[in-house]
Amino acid sequence: MYLLDLGIIFLLIIANGILAMTEFAIVSSNRNKISHMAKTNKGARVAHQLMDNPGEFLK
């Protein structure tokens, strides 16, 4: 049981790190470059939408 608890805590810490890195990348990215890339790239389009409405990122 103790190892299971440690494993769950470790996975939650990793998930938190991934989400924090994603949020930081979106917030600190160049808006003009993302806007230009959004015309041809689906991933950039999603990033552009998240930059325009950051509240959607938390849903």
N, C-alpha and C. Protein backbone atom coordinates (compact mmCIF):
# COMPACT_ATOMS: atom_id res chain seq x y z
N MET A 1 0.82 -1.20 0.00
CA MET A 1 0.00 0.00 0.00
C MET A 1 0.87 1.26 0.00
N TYR A 2 1.95 1.23 0.74
CA TYR A 2 2.86 2.37 0.83
C TYR A 2 3.47 2.69 -0.54
N LEU A 3 3.87 1.65 -1.28
CA LEU A 3 4.45 1.86 -2.60
C LEU A 3 3.41 2.39 -3.59
N LEU A 4 2.20 1.92 -3.45
CA LEU A 4 1.12 2.41 -4.31
C LEU A 4 0.89 3.90 -4.08
N ASP A 5 0.88 4.31 -2.82
CA ASP A 5 0.71 5.73 -2.50
C ASP A 5 1.85 6.56 -3.09
N LEU A 6 3.07 6.09 -2.95
CA LEU A 6 4.22 6.80 -3.51
C LEU A 6 4.13 6.87 -5.03
N GLY A 7 3.69 5.79 -5.66
CA GLY A 7 3.54 5.77 -7.12
C GLY A 7 2.50 6.77 -7.59
N ILE A 8 1.39 6.84 -6.89
CA ILE A 8 0.33 7.79 -7.25
C ILE A 8 0.82 9.22 -7.08
N ILE A 9 1.51 9.49 -5.97
CA ILE A 9 2.05 10.83 -5.74
C ILE A 9 3.05 11.20 -6.83
N PHE A 10 3.91 10.27 -7.19
CA PHE A 10 4.89 10.51 -8.24
C PHE A 10 4.21 10.83 -9.57
N LEU A 11 3.19 10.06 -9.94
CA LEU A 11 2.47 10.31 -11.19
C LEU A 11 1.76 11.66 -11.18
N LEU A 12 1.21 12.04 -10.04
CA LEU A 12 0.55 13.33 -9.94
C LEU A 12 1.55 14.48 -10.06
N ILE A 13 2.73 14.31 -9.49
CA ILE A 13 3.77 15.33 -9.61
C ILE A 13 4.21 15.47 -11.07
N ILE A 14 4.37 14.35 -11.76
CA ILE A 14 4.75 14.38 -13.18
C ILE A 14 3.66 15.05 -14.01
N ALA A 15 2.39 14.70 -13.75
CA ALA A 15 1.28 15.31 -14.49
C ALA A 15 1.22 16.81 -14.24
N ASN A 16 1.44 17.22 -13.00
CA ASN A 16 1.45 18.64 -12.67
C ASN A 16 2.57 19.37 -13.42
N GLY A 17 3.72 18.76 -13.50
CA GLY A 17 4.84 19.36 -14.22
C GLY A 17 4.55 19.53 -15.70
N ILE A 18 3.94 18.52 -16.30
CA ILE A 18 3.60 18.59 -17.72
C ILE A 18 2.59 19.70 -17.98
N LEU A 19 1.56 19.79 -17.13
CA LEU A 19 0.56 20.84 -17.31
C LEU A 19 1.16 22.23 -17.09
N ALA A 20 2.04 22.37 -16.12
CA ALA A 20 2.68 23.66 -15.87
C ALA A 20 3.57 24.07 -17.04
N MET A 21 4.30 23.11 -17.61
CA MET A 21 5.14 23.42 -18.77
C MET A 21 4.30 23.83 -19.97
N THR A 22 3.17 23.16 -20.16
CA THR A 22 2.28 23.49 -21.27
C THR A 22 1.73 24.91 -21.11
N GLU A 23 1.26 25.21 -19.91
CA GLU A 23 0.72 26.55 -19.66
C GLU A 23 1.79 27.62 -19.86
N PHE A 24 2.99 27.39 -19.36
CA PHE A 24 4.08 28.35 -19.50
C PHE A 24 4.44 28.55 -20.97
N ALA A 25 4.44 27.47 -21.74
CA ALA A 25 4.77 27.57 -23.16
C ALA A 25 3.74 28.40 -23.91
N ILE A 26 2.48 28.23 -23.60
CA ILE A 26 1.43 28.99 -24.28
C ILE A 26 1.49 30.46 -23.89
N VAL A 27 1.69 30.72 -22.61
CA VAL A 27 1.71 32.11 -22.14
C VAL A 27 2.92 32.87 -22.67
N SER A 28 4.06 32.20 -22.76
CA SER A 28 5.29 32.91 -23.15
C SER A 28 5.58 32.87 -24.65
N SER A 29 4.73 32.22 -25.42
CA SER A 29 5.00 32.12 -26.86
C SER A 29 4.71 33.44 -27.57
N ASN A 30 5.30 33.57 -28.73
CA ASN A 30 5.16 34.78 -29.54
C ASN A 30 3.80 34.76 -30.24
N ARG A 31 2.95 35.69 -29.87
CA ARG A 31 1.58 35.73 -30.40
C ARG A 31 1.55 35.91 -31.92
N ASN A 32 2.41 36.75 -32.46
CA ASN A 32 2.43 36.98 -33.91
C ASN A 32 2.85 35.72 -34.67
N LYS A 33 3.84 35.03 -34.16
CA LYS A 33 4.31 33.81 -34.82
C LYS A 33 3.22 32.74 -34.78
N ILE A 34 2.56 32.60 -33.64
CA ILE A 34 1.48 31.62 -33.51
C ILE A 34 0.33 31.98 -34.46
N SER A 35 0.00 33.26 -34.56
CA SER A 35 -1.07 33.69 -35.47
C SER A 35 -0.75 33.33 -36.91
N HIS A 36 0.48 33.55 -37.31
CA HIS A 36 0.90 33.22 -38.67
C HIS A 36 0.86 31.71 -38.90
N MET A 37 1.34 30.94 -37.94
CA MET A 37 1.37 29.49 -38.08
C MET A 37 -0.03 28.88 -38.04
N ALA A 38 -0.98 29.56 -37.37
CA ALA A 38 -2.33 29.03 -37.21
C ALA A 38 -3.06 28.90 -38.54
N LYS A 39 -2.59 29.61 -39.56
CA LYS A 39 -3.24 29.54 -40.87
C LYS A 39 -3.04 28.18 -41.53
N THR A 40 -1.96 27.49 -41.18
CA THR A 40 -1.66 26.21 -41.85
C THR A 40 -1.49 25.03 -40.89
N ASN A 41 -1.36 25.29 -39.60
CA ASN A 41 -1.04 24.23 -38.65
C ASN A 41 -2.16 24.10 -37.62
N LYS A 42 -2.72 22.90 -37.50
CA LYS A 42 -3.84 22.68 -36.59
C LYS A 42 -3.42 22.89 -35.13
N GLY A 43 -2.23 22.42 -34.76
CA GLY A 43 -1.75 22.60 -33.39
C GLY A 43 -1.56 24.07 -33.04
N ALA A 44 -1.05 24.84 -33.99
CA ALA A 44 -0.89 26.27 -33.77
C ALA A 44 -2.24 26.95 -33.67
N ARG A 45 -3.22 26.45 -34.40
CA ARG A 45 -4.57 27.00 -34.34
C ARG A 45 -5.16 26.81 -32.94
N VAL A 46 -4.93 25.63 -32.36
CA VAL A 46 -5.40 25.36 -31.00
C VAL A 46 -4.68 26.27 -30.01
N ALA A 47 -3.37 26.41 -30.17
CA ALA A 47 -2.60 27.28 -29.28
C ALA A 47 -3.08 28.72 -29.39
N HIS A 48 -3.39 29.15 -30.60
CA HIS A 48 -3.88 30.52 -30.81
C HIS A 48 -5.22 30.72 -30.11
N GLN A 49 -6.10 29.74 -30.20
CA GLN A 49 -7.39 29.82 -29.52
C GLN A 49 -7.21 29.88 -28.01
N LEU A 50 -6.26 29.11 -27.48
CA LEU A 50 -6.00 29.14 -26.04
C LEU A 50 -5.40 30.47 -25.61
N MET A 51 -4.59 31.07 -26.47
CA MET A 51 -4.02 32.38 -26.15
C MET A 51 -5.10 33.45 -26.14
N ASP A 52 -6.06 33.34 -27.03
CA ASP A 52 -7.15 34.32 -27.09
C ASP A 52 -8.13 34.17 -25.94
N ASN A 53 -8.32 32.95 -25.47
CA ASN A 53 -9.26 32.68 -24.39
C ASN A 53 -8.61 31.74 -23.38
N PRO A 54 -7.77 32.25 -22.49
CA PRO A 54 -7.03 31.38 -21.57
C PRO A 54 -7.93 30.64 -20.58
N GLY A 55 -9.14 31.11 -20.37
CA GLY A 55 -10.07 30.41 -19.48
C GLY A 55 -10.43 29.03 -20.00
N GLU A 56 -10.41 28.84 -21.30
CA GLU A 56 -10.70 27.54 -21.90
C GLU A 56 -9.64 26.50 -21.56
N PHE A 57 -8.44 26.97 -21.25
CA PHE A 57 -7.33 26.07 -20.93
C PHE A 57 -7.63 25.25 -19.68
N LEU A 58 -8.40 25.82 -18.77
CA LEU A 58 -8.68 25.16 -17.50
C LEU A 58 -9.90 24.26 -17.54
N LYS A 59 -10.66 24.29 -18.61
CA LYS A 59 -11.87 23.46 -18.68
C LYS A 59 -11.54 22.06 -19.08
